[in-house]
Amino acid sequence: MLTMAVFALGAAASLLVAGYLVGRLTRQYKSAARNAARIGRAIFGGVLVVVAFFAITGLDRMIEAMLVQIMPEWLVLFATQV
C-alpha cells in the first residue's frame, strides 16, 4: 500500500511539473502553439478519415494479413500471446 502511494505521489508530481512547464511555454509562444495545434488537428483529422475508410472497406484486415505474413514467427507469437 505504501509503495503504491509513493508511486502515485511521484507520478502526480512529475505530471504537475510537466503541465506547469508546458503551460508556461505555451503562454510564452502562444502563436506558435496555436499554429501547431491547428496543423496537429488537421493531421489527426486526416489520419482519422483514412483509418475510418480502411475499417469500413475492410482494407485494414487485408493490410493486417499482409503484415502478419511478412512478420517473423516470434513476433507473431509474441503479439498474439500478450
N, C-alpha and C. Protein backbone atom coordinates (compact mmCIF):
# COMPACT_ATOMS: atom_id res chain seq x y z
N MET A 1 0.83 -1.19 0.00
CA MET A 1 0.00 0.00 0.00
C MET A 1 0.87 1.25 0.00
N LEU A 2 1.91 1.24 0.81
CA LEU A 2 2.81 2.39 0.88
C LEU A 2 3.54 2.59 -0.45
N THR A 3 3.92 1.47 -1.07
CA THR A 3 4.62 1.55 -2.35
C THR A 3 3.74 2.23 -3.40
N MET A 4 2.48 1.84 -3.45
CA MET A 4 1.56 2.44 -4.41
C MET A 4 1.34 3.92 -4.13
N ALA A 5 1.27 4.30 -2.88
CA ALA A 5 1.08 5.71 -2.51
C ALA A 5 2.30 6.53 -2.94
N VAL A 6 3.49 6.01 -2.71
CA VAL A 6 4.71 6.71 -3.10
C VAL A 6 4.78 6.82 -4.62
N PHE A 7 4.43 5.74 -5.31
CA PHE A 7 4.41 5.77 -6.77
C PHE A 7 3.42 6.82 -7.28
N ALA A 8 2.23 6.85 -6.70
CA ALA A 8 1.20 7.81 -7.12
C ALA A 8 1.66 9.24 -6.88
N LEU A 9 2.29 9.49 -5.75
CA LEU A 9 2.79 10.84 -5.47
C LEU A 9 3.89 11.24 -6.46
N GLY A 10 4.78 10.33 -6.75
CA GLY A 10 5.84 10.61 -7.71
C GLY A 10 5.31 10.87 -9.10
N ALA A 11 4.35 10.04 -9.52
CA ALA A 11 3.75 10.22 -10.84
C ALA A 11 2.99 11.54 -10.91
N ALA A 12 2.22 11.85 -9.87
CA ALA A 12 1.45 13.09 -9.86
C ALA A 12 2.37 14.31 -9.85
N ALA A 13 3.44 14.25 -9.09
CA ALA A 13 4.37 15.37 -9.03
C ALA A 13 5.03 15.62 -10.38
N SER A 14 5.45 14.56 -11.05
CA SER A 14 6.09 14.74 -12.36
C SER A 14 5.10 15.27 -13.39
N LEU A 15 3.86 14.81 -13.33
CA LEU A 15 2.85 15.33 -14.26
C LEU A 15 2.51 16.79 -13.97
N LEU A 16 2.48 17.16 -12.72
CA LEU A 16 2.22 18.56 -12.38
C LEU A 16 3.35 19.46 -12.87
N VAL A 17 4.57 19.03 -12.69
CA VAL A 17 5.72 19.82 -13.16
C VAL A 17 5.70 19.93 -14.68
N ALA A 18 5.45 18.82 -15.36
CA ALA A 18 5.39 18.84 -16.82
C ALA A 18 4.26 19.75 -17.30
N GLY A 19 3.10 19.67 -16.67
CA GLY A 19 1.98 20.52 -17.04
C GLY A 19 2.29 21.99 -16.82
N TYR A 20 2.93 22.30 -15.72
CA TYR A 20 3.29 23.69 -15.43
C TYR A 20 4.27 24.21 -16.49
N LEU A 21 5.28 23.41 -16.81
CA LEU A 21 6.28 23.85 -17.80
C LEU A 21 5.68 23.99 -19.19
N VAL A 22 4.83 23.06 -19.57
CA VAL A 22 4.18 23.15 -20.89
C VAL A 22 3.27 24.37 -20.94
N GLY A 23 2.53 24.61 -19.87
CA GLY A 23 1.67 25.80 -19.82
C GLY A 23 2.48 27.09 -19.91
N ARG A 24 3.60 27.11 -19.25
CA ARG A 24 4.47 28.30 -19.29
C ARG A 24 5.02 28.51 -20.69
N LEU A 25 5.44 27.42 -21.33
CA LEU A 25 5.96 27.54 -22.70
C LEU A 25 4.88 27.96 -23.68
N THR A 26 3.66 27.43 -23.53
CA THR A 26 2.60 27.80 -24.47
C THR A 26 2.18 29.25 -24.29
N ARG A 27 2.23 29.74 -23.07
CA ARG A 27 1.93 31.16 -22.88
C ARG A 27 3.01 32.02 -23.51
N GLN A 28 4.24 31.55 -23.43
CA GLN A 28 5.36 32.30 -23.96
C GLN A 28 5.36 32.28 -25.50
N TYR A 29 4.99 31.16 -26.06
CA TYR A 29 4.99 31.01 -27.52
C TYR A 29 3.57 30.72 -28.00
N LYS A 30 2.65 31.63 -27.70
CA LYS A 30 1.23 31.39 -27.95
C LYS A 30 0.92 31.22 -29.45
N SER A 31 1.46 32.06 -30.30
CA SER A 31 1.14 31.97 -31.72
C SER A 31 1.70 30.69 -32.33
N ALA A 32 2.89 30.31 -31.93
CA ALA A 32 3.47 29.07 -32.45
C ALA A 32 2.66 27.87 -31.98
N ALA A 33 2.22 27.91 -30.72
CA ALA A 33 1.41 26.81 -30.20
C ALA A 33 0.06 26.74 -30.92
N ARG A 34 -0.51 27.90 -31.23
CA ARG A 34 -1.79 27.93 -31.94
C ARG A 34 -1.65 27.33 -33.33
N ASN A 35 -0.56 27.68 -34.02
CA ASN A 35 -0.31 27.12 -35.36
C ASN A 35 -0.06 25.62 -35.29
N ALA A 36 0.72 25.20 -34.30
CA ALA A 36 1.00 23.77 -34.15
C ALA A 36 -0.28 23.00 -33.85
N ALA A 37 -1.16 23.57 -33.04
CA ALA A 37 -2.42 22.91 -32.73
C ALA A 37 -3.30 22.80 -33.97
N ARG A 38 -3.32 23.85 -34.78
CA ARG A 38 -4.13 23.83 -36.00
C ARG A 38 -3.61 22.76 -36.95
N ILE A 39 -2.31 22.70 -37.12
CA ILE A 39 -1.71 21.70 -38.01
C ILE A 39 -1.93 20.30 -37.44
N GLY A 40 -1.77 20.14 -36.13
CA GLY A 40 -1.98 18.85 -35.49
C GLY A 40 -3.41 18.35 -35.64
N ARG A 41 -4.38 19.26 -35.49
CA ARG A 41 -5.78 18.86 -35.67
C ARG A 41 -6.05 18.42 -37.10
N ALA A 42 -5.47 19.13 -38.06
CA ALA A 42 -5.66 18.76 -39.47
C ALA A 42 -5.06 17.39 -39.76
N ILE A 43 -3.86 17.14 -39.25
CA ILE A 43 -3.21 15.84 -39.47
C ILE A 43 -4.02 14.73 -38.80
N PHE A 44 -4.44 14.97 -37.55
CA PHE A 44 -5.22 13.97 -36.84
C PHE A 44 -6.54 13.69 -37.56
N GLY A 45 -7.19 14.73 -38.05
CA GLY A 45 -8.44 14.54 -38.80
C GLY A 45 -8.23 13.71 -40.05
N GLY A 46 -7.14 13.99 -40.77
CA GLY A 46 -6.84 13.23 -41.98
C GLY A 46 -6.56 11.76 -41.68
N VAL A 47 -5.79 11.52 -40.64
CA VAL A 47 -5.49 10.14 -40.24
C VAL A 47 -6.77 9.43 -39.82
N LEU A 48 -7.63 10.12 -39.10
CA LEU A 48 -8.89 9.53 -38.66
C LEU A 48 -9.78 9.15 -39.85
N VAL A 49 -9.83 10.01 -40.86
CA VAL A 49 -10.62 9.71 -42.06
C VAL A 49 -10.05 8.49 -42.78
N VAL A 50 -8.73 8.42 -42.90
CA VAL A 50 -8.10 7.28 -43.58
C VAL A 50 -8.36 5.98 -42.82
N VAL A 51 -8.21 6.01 -41.50
CA VAL A 51 -8.44 4.81 -40.69
C VAL A 51 -9.90 4.39 -40.77
N ALA A 52 -10.82 5.34 -40.74
CA ALA A 52 -12.25 5.01 -40.86
C ALA A 52 -12.54 4.40 -42.23
N PHE A 53 -11.95 4.94 -43.27
CA PHE A 53 -12.14 4.39 -44.61
C PHE A 53 -11.63 2.95 -44.68
N PHE A 54 -10.45 2.72 -44.12
CA PHE A 54 -9.90 1.37 -44.10
C PHE A 54 -10.81 0.41 -43.34
N ALA A 55 -11.33 0.85 -42.20
CA ALA A 55 -12.18 -0.01 -41.38
C ALA A 55 -13.51 -0.31 -42.09
N ILE A 56 -14.08 0.67 -42.75
CA ILE A 56 -15.37 0.48 -43.43
C ILE A 56 -15.23 -0.44 -44.63
N THR A 57 -14.16 -0.28 -45.39
CA THR A 57 -13.98 -1.08 -46.60
C THR A 57 -13.34 -2.44 -46.34
N GLY A 58 -12.82 -2.66 -45.13
CA GLY A 58 -12.16 -3.92 -44.82
C GLY A 58 -10.71 -3.96 -45.26
N LEU A 59 -10.20 -2.83 -45.72
CA LEU A 59 -8.82 -2.76 -46.17
C LEU A 59 -7.85 -2.97 -45.01
N ASP A 60 -8.28 -2.61 -43.81
CA ASP A 60 -7.40 -2.78 -42.65
C ASP A 60 -7.09 -4.24 -42.39
N ARG A 61 -8.05 -5.10 -42.62
CA ARG A 61 -7.82 -6.54 -42.40
C ARG A 61 -6.90 -7.13 -43.46
N MET A 62 -7.02 -6.60 -44.68
CA MET A 62 -6.13 -7.07 -45.74
C MET A 62 -4.69 -6.64 -45.46
N ILE A 63 -4.53 -5.41 -44.99
CA ILE A 63 -3.19 -4.91 -44.65
C ILE A 63 -2.63 -5.70 -43.47
N GLU A 64 -3.49 -5.97 -42.48
CA GLU A 64 -3.04 -6.75 -41.33
C GLU A 64 -2.59 -8.14 -41.75
N ALA A 65 -3.35 -8.79 -42.61
CA ALA A 65 -2.98 -10.13 -43.08
C ALA A 65 -1.65 -10.10 -43.83
N MET A 66 -1.45 -9.07 -44.63
CA MET A 66 -0.20 -8.95 -45.37
C MET A 66 0.98 -8.75 -44.41
N LEU A 67 0.77 -7.90 -43.40
CA LEU A 67 1.84 -7.66 -42.45
C LEU A 67 2.16 -8.89 -41.60
N VAL A 68 1.13 -9.66 -41.26
CA VAL A 68 1.36 -10.87 -40.47
C VAL A 68 2.17 -11.88 -41.27
N GLN A 69 1.95 -11.94 -42.57
CA GLN A 69 2.74 -12.86 -43.41
C GLN A 69 4.20 -12.43 -43.49
N ILE A 70 4.45 -11.13 -43.43
CA ILE A 70 5.82 -10.62 -43.54
C ILE A 70 6.56 -10.74 -42.21
N MET A 71 5.84 -10.65 -41.08
CA MET A 71 6.46 -10.65 -39.76
C MET A 71 7.19 -11.96 -39.46
N PRO A 72 8.26 -11.87 -38.67
CA PRO A 72 8.90 -13.11 -38.21
C PRO A 72 7.95 -13.88 -37.26
N GLU A 73 8.12 -15.16 -37.20
CA GLU A 73 7.22 -16.02 -36.40
C GLU A 73 7.21 -15.64 -34.93
N TRP A 74 8.39 -15.31 -34.38
CA TRP A 74 8.46 -14.98 -32.95
C TRP A 74 7.65 -13.73 -32.64
N LEU A 75 7.60 -12.79 -33.58
CA LEU A 75 6.84 -11.55 -33.35
C LEU A 75 5.35 -11.82 -33.41
N VAL A 76 4.93 -12.68 -34.31
CA VAL A 76 3.50 -13.05 -34.37
C VAL A 76 3.08 -13.75 -33.10
N LEU A 77 3.90 -14.69 -32.62
CA LEU A 77 3.59 -15.37 -31.38
C LEU A 77 3.55 -14.41 -30.20
N PHE A 78 4.50 -13.51 -30.14
CA PHE A 78 4.53 -12.53 -29.05
C PHE A 78 3.29 -11.63 -29.09
N ALA A 79 2.90 -11.17 -30.26
CA ALA A 79 1.77 -10.26 -30.39
C ALA A 79 0.44 -10.95 -30.09
N THR A 80 0.34 -12.22 -30.38
CA THR A 80 -0.93 -12.92 -30.16
C THR A 80 -1.05 -13.51 -28.76
N GLN A 81 0.07 -13.68 -28.05
CA GLN A 81 0.01 -14.25 -26.72
C GLN A 81 -0.11 -13.21 -25.63
N VAL A 82 0.20 -11.97 -25.93
CA VAL A 82 0.17 -10.91 -24.90
C VAL A 82 -1.22 -10.43 -24.67
